[in-house]
N, C-alpha and C. Protein backbone atom coordinates (compact mmCIF):
# COMPACT_ATOMS: atom_id res chain seq x y z
N MET A 1 0.84 -1.18 0.00
CA MET A 1 0.00 0.00 0.00
C MET A 1 0.88 1.23 0.00
N GLN A 2 0.60 2.13 -0.88
CA GLN A 2 1.36 3.37 -0.93
C GLN A 2 0.66 4.41 -0.07
N TYR A 3 1.44 5.17 0.65
CA TYR A 3 0.89 6.22 1.48
C TYR A 3 1.07 7.54 0.77
N ASN A 4 0.10 8.38 0.91
CA ASN A 4 0.23 9.72 0.37
C ASN A 4 -0.24 10.73 1.40
N LEU A 5 -0.06 11.98 1.12
CA LEU A 5 -0.38 13.00 2.10
C LEU A 5 -1.87 13.16 2.35
N SER A 6 -2.71 12.62 1.48
CA SER A 6 -4.15 12.78 1.68
C SER A 6 -4.73 11.74 2.64
N GLN A 7 -3.92 10.82 3.12
CA GLN A 7 -4.42 9.81 4.05
C GLN A 7 -4.39 10.34 5.48
N LYS A 8 -5.33 9.86 6.27
CA LYS A 8 -5.40 10.25 7.68
C LYS A 8 -5.38 9.01 8.55
N ALA A 9 -4.76 9.14 9.68
CA ALA A 9 -4.70 8.03 10.64
C ALA A 9 -5.91 8.10 11.56
N THR A 10 -6.36 6.93 11.97
CA THR A 10 -7.42 6.83 12.96
C THR A 10 -7.19 5.57 13.77
N SER A 11 -7.86 5.43 14.88
CA SER A 11 -7.70 4.21 15.65
C SER A 11 -9.06 3.55 15.82
N VAL A 12 -9.02 2.24 15.93
CA VAL A 12 -10.24 1.45 16.04
C VAL A 12 -10.02 0.37 17.09
N ARG A 13 -11.02 0.13 17.89
CA ARG A 13 -10.96 -0.97 18.85
C ARG A 13 -11.70 -2.16 18.24
N LEU A 14 -10.99 -3.28 18.15
CA LEU A 14 -11.57 -4.49 17.59
C LEU A 14 -11.74 -5.53 18.68
N SER A 15 -12.74 -6.37 18.50
CA SER A 15 -12.86 -7.50 19.43
C SER A 15 -11.63 -8.37 19.24
N SER A 16 -11.29 -9.14 20.25
CA SER A 16 -10.09 -9.98 20.14
C SER A 16 -10.24 -10.99 19.02
N SER A 17 -11.44 -11.52 18.80
CA SER A 17 -11.63 -12.49 17.72
C SER A 17 -11.46 -11.83 16.35
N THR A 18 -11.96 -10.62 16.18
CA THR A 18 -11.79 -9.91 14.91
C THR A 18 -10.33 -9.56 14.69
N ALA A 19 -9.64 -9.14 15.73
CA ALA A 19 -8.22 -8.80 15.62
C ALA A 19 -7.40 -10.02 15.23
N LYS A 20 -7.73 -11.17 15.80
CA LYS A 20 -7.01 -12.41 15.45
C LYS A 20 -7.25 -12.78 14.00
N ARG A 21 -8.50 -12.66 13.56
CA ARG A 21 -8.82 -12.97 12.16
C ARG A 21 -8.09 -12.03 11.21
N LEU A 22 -8.04 -10.76 11.57
CA LEU A 22 -7.34 -9.77 10.75
C LEU A 22 -5.85 -10.09 10.70
N ASP A 23 -5.25 -10.39 11.84
CA ASP A 23 -3.83 -10.75 11.88
C ASP A 23 -3.55 -11.97 11.00
N ARG A 24 -4.39 -12.99 11.13
CA ARG A 24 -4.20 -14.23 10.37
C ARG A 24 -4.31 -13.97 8.87
N LEU A 25 -5.34 -13.24 8.46
CA LEU A 25 -5.53 -12.97 7.04
C LEU A 25 -4.39 -12.13 6.48
N ALA A 26 -3.96 -11.13 7.22
CA ALA A 26 -2.85 -10.28 6.77
C ALA A 26 -1.58 -11.11 6.56
N ARG A 27 -1.33 -12.04 7.47
CA ARG A 27 -0.16 -12.93 7.31
C ARG A 27 -0.31 -13.83 6.08
N VAL A 28 -1.48 -14.43 5.94
CA VAL A 28 -1.70 -15.39 4.85
C VAL A 28 -1.55 -14.73 3.48
N ILE A 29 -2.10 -13.54 3.32
CA ILE A 29 -2.03 -12.90 2.00
C ILE A 29 -0.90 -11.88 1.91
N ASP A 30 -0.11 -11.79 2.96
CA ASP A 30 1.06 -10.90 2.98
C ASP A 30 0.71 -9.47 2.61
N ARG A 31 -0.28 -8.94 3.33
CA ARG A 31 -0.69 -7.55 3.13
C ARG A 31 -0.76 -6.87 4.49
N PRO A 32 -0.55 -5.57 4.52
CA PRO A 32 -0.67 -4.85 5.79
C PRO A 32 -2.12 -4.85 6.29
N LYS A 33 -2.27 -4.92 7.60
CA LYS A 33 -3.61 -4.89 8.18
C LYS A 33 -4.34 -3.61 7.78
N SER A 34 -3.62 -2.51 7.72
CA SER A 34 -4.27 -1.24 7.36
C SER A 34 -4.87 -1.31 5.96
N GLN A 35 -4.24 -2.03 5.05
CA GLN A 35 -4.77 -2.17 3.70
C GLN A 35 -6.08 -2.97 3.72
N LEU A 36 -6.10 -4.04 4.51
CA LEU A 36 -7.30 -4.85 4.61
C LEU A 36 -8.45 -4.07 5.25
N ILE A 37 -8.14 -3.34 6.31
CA ILE A 37 -9.16 -2.55 7.00
C ILE A 37 -9.70 -1.48 6.07
N ASN A 38 -8.82 -0.80 5.35
CA ASN A 38 -9.24 0.26 4.44
C ASN A 38 -10.14 -0.29 3.34
N LYS A 39 -9.77 -1.42 2.74
CA LYS A 39 -10.57 -2.03 1.68
C LYS A 39 -11.93 -2.47 2.21
N ALA A 40 -11.94 -3.10 3.36
CA ALA A 40 -13.20 -3.57 3.94
C ALA A 40 -14.12 -2.39 4.25
N LEU A 41 -13.56 -1.33 4.79
CA LEU A 41 -14.37 -0.16 5.13
C LEU A 41 -14.88 0.54 3.88
N GLU A 42 -14.06 0.64 2.84
CA GLU A 42 -14.51 1.24 1.58
C GLU A 42 -15.69 0.47 1.01
N GLU A 43 -15.58 -0.86 1.00
CA GLU A 43 -16.66 -1.68 0.45
C GLU A 43 -17.93 -1.57 1.29
N TYR A 44 -17.79 -1.55 2.61
CA TYR A 44 -18.95 -1.41 3.49
C TYR A 44 -19.64 -0.08 3.26
N LEU A 45 -18.86 1.00 3.20
CA LEU A 45 -19.44 2.33 3.01
C LEU A 45 -20.17 2.42 1.67
N GLU A 46 -19.59 1.86 0.63
CA GLU A 46 -20.23 1.88 -0.68
C GLU A 46 -21.57 1.15 -0.64
N GLU A 47 -21.57 -0.04 -0.03
CA GLU A 47 -22.81 -0.82 0.07
C GLU A 47 -23.86 -0.08 0.90
N TYR A 48 -23.45 0.50 2.02
CA TYR A 48 -24.40 1.18 2.90
C TYR A 48 -24.95 2.44 2.25
N GLU A 49 -24.10 3.16 1.52
CA GLU A 49 -24.57 4.35 0.80
C GLU A 49 -25.59 3.95 -0.26
N ASP A 50 -25.35 2.85 -0.98
CA ASP A 50 -26.32 2.35 -1.96
C ASP A 50 -27.63 1.99 -1.28
N TYR A 51 -27.54 1.36 -0.12
CA TYR A 51 -28.73 0.99 0.65
C TYR A 51 -29.53 2.24 1.00
N LEU A 52 -28.85 3.28 1.46
CA LEU A 52 -29.56 4.51 1.84
C LEU A 52 -30.24 5.16 0.65
N ILE A 53 -29.59 5.12 -0.51
CA ILE A 53 -30.21 5.66 -1.73
C ILE A 53 -31.46 4.86 -2.07
N ALA A 54 -31.35 3.54 -2.04
CA ALA A 54 -32.49 2.68 -2.36
C ALA A 54 -33.62 2.89 -1.36
N PHE A 55 -33.30 2.98 -0.11
CA PHE A 55 -34.31 3.19 0.93
C PHE A 55 -35.00 4.54 0.73
N GLY A 56 -34.21 5.55 0.38
CA GLY A 56 -34.77 6.88 0.12
C GLY A 56 -35.71 6.86 -1.07
N ARG A 57 -35.36 6.10 -2.09
CA ARG A 57 -36.22 6.00 -3.28
C ARG A 57 -37.53 5.31 -2.93
N LEU A 58 -37.48 4.31 -2.07
CA LEU A 58 -38.72 3.64 -1.66
C LEU A 58 -39.64 4.57 -0.90
N ASP A 59 -39.06 5.51 -0.19
CA ASP A 59 -39.82 6.45 0.63
C ASP A 59 -40.32 7.65 -0.18
N ASP A 60 -39.84 7.80 -1.42
CA ASP A 60 -40.21 8.93 -2.27
C ASP A 60 -41.55 8.66 -2.93
N LYS A 61 -42.57 9.36 -2.51
CA LYS A 61 -43.93 9.15 -3.03
C LYS A 61 -44.06 9.56 -4.49
N ASN A 62 -43.14 10.39 -4.99
CA ASN A 62 -43.18 10.83 -6.38
C ASN A 62 -42.41 9.91 -7.32
N ASP A 63 -41.75 8.91 -6.78
CA ASP A 63 -40.95 7.97 -7.58
C ASP A 63 -41.85 6.77 -7.92
N ARG A 64 -42.25 6.69 -9.17
CA ARG A 64 -43.18 5.64 -9.60
C ARG A 64 -42.50 4.28 -9.59
N ILE A 65 -43.18 3.30 -9.05
CA ILE A 65 -42.68 1.93 -9.03
C ILE A 65 -43.24 1.21 -10.26
N ILE A 66 -42.35 0.50 -10.98
CA ILE A 66 -42.80 -0.23 -12.16
C ILE A 66 -42.57 -1.72 -11.95
N SER A 67 -43.31 -2.51 -12.69
CA SER A 67 -43.20 -3.97 -12.56
C SER A 67 -41.94 -4.47 -13.24
N GLY A 68 -41.57 -5.70 -12.90
CA GLY A 68 -40.43 -6.33 -13.55
C GLY A 68 -40.66 -6.47 -15.05
N LYS A 69 -41.90 -6.79 -15.43
CA LYS A 69 -42.25 -6.93 -16.84
C LYS A 69 -42.03 -5.61 -17.58
N GLU A 70 -42.50 -4.52 -16.97
CA GLU A 70 -42.33 -3.20 -17.58
C GLU A 70 -40.85 -2.82 -17.67
N MET A 71 -40.08 -3.17 -16.65
CA MET A 71 -38.65 -2.85 -16.65
C MET A 71 -37.94 -3.62 -17.77
N ARG A 72 -38.25 -4.91 -17.91
CA ARG A 72 -37.65 -5.70 -18.98
C ARG A 72 -37.98 -5.10 -20.35
N LYS A 73 -39.22 -4.64 -20.51
CA LYS A 73 -39.62 -4.03 -21.78
C LYS A 73 -38.83 -2.76 -22.03
N LYS A 74 -38.69 -1.92 -21.00
CA LYS A 74 -37.92 -0.68 -21.14
C LYS A 74 -36.46 -0.97 -21.50
N LEU A 75 -35.92 -2.08 -20.96
CA LEU A 75 -34.53 -2.44 -21.21
C LEU A 75 -34.36 -3.26 -22.50
N GLY A 76 -35.48 -3.60 -23.13
CA GLY A 76 -35.42 -4.36 -24.37
C GLY A 76 -35.06 -5.82 -24.17
N LEU A 77 -35.43 -6.36 -23.04
CA LEU A 77 -35.11 -7.76 -22.73
C LEU A 77 -36.28 -8.68 -23.00
């Protein structure tokens, strides 16, 4: 992992079982723990942000819901 000036340090408290799993995986794949933590957090944040967008769309009364059949037709499937 390359470090650049735009990175910031933070600290996290992990359960002992999570810390052991992280240590083991970092050793097995020969990667720094910080790289694994950063990748896992990036993926989690992306998924959760997508979830919030989807949830917001469900709550939007002006957003018309269409059937799967209609969606396939719109997509030409």
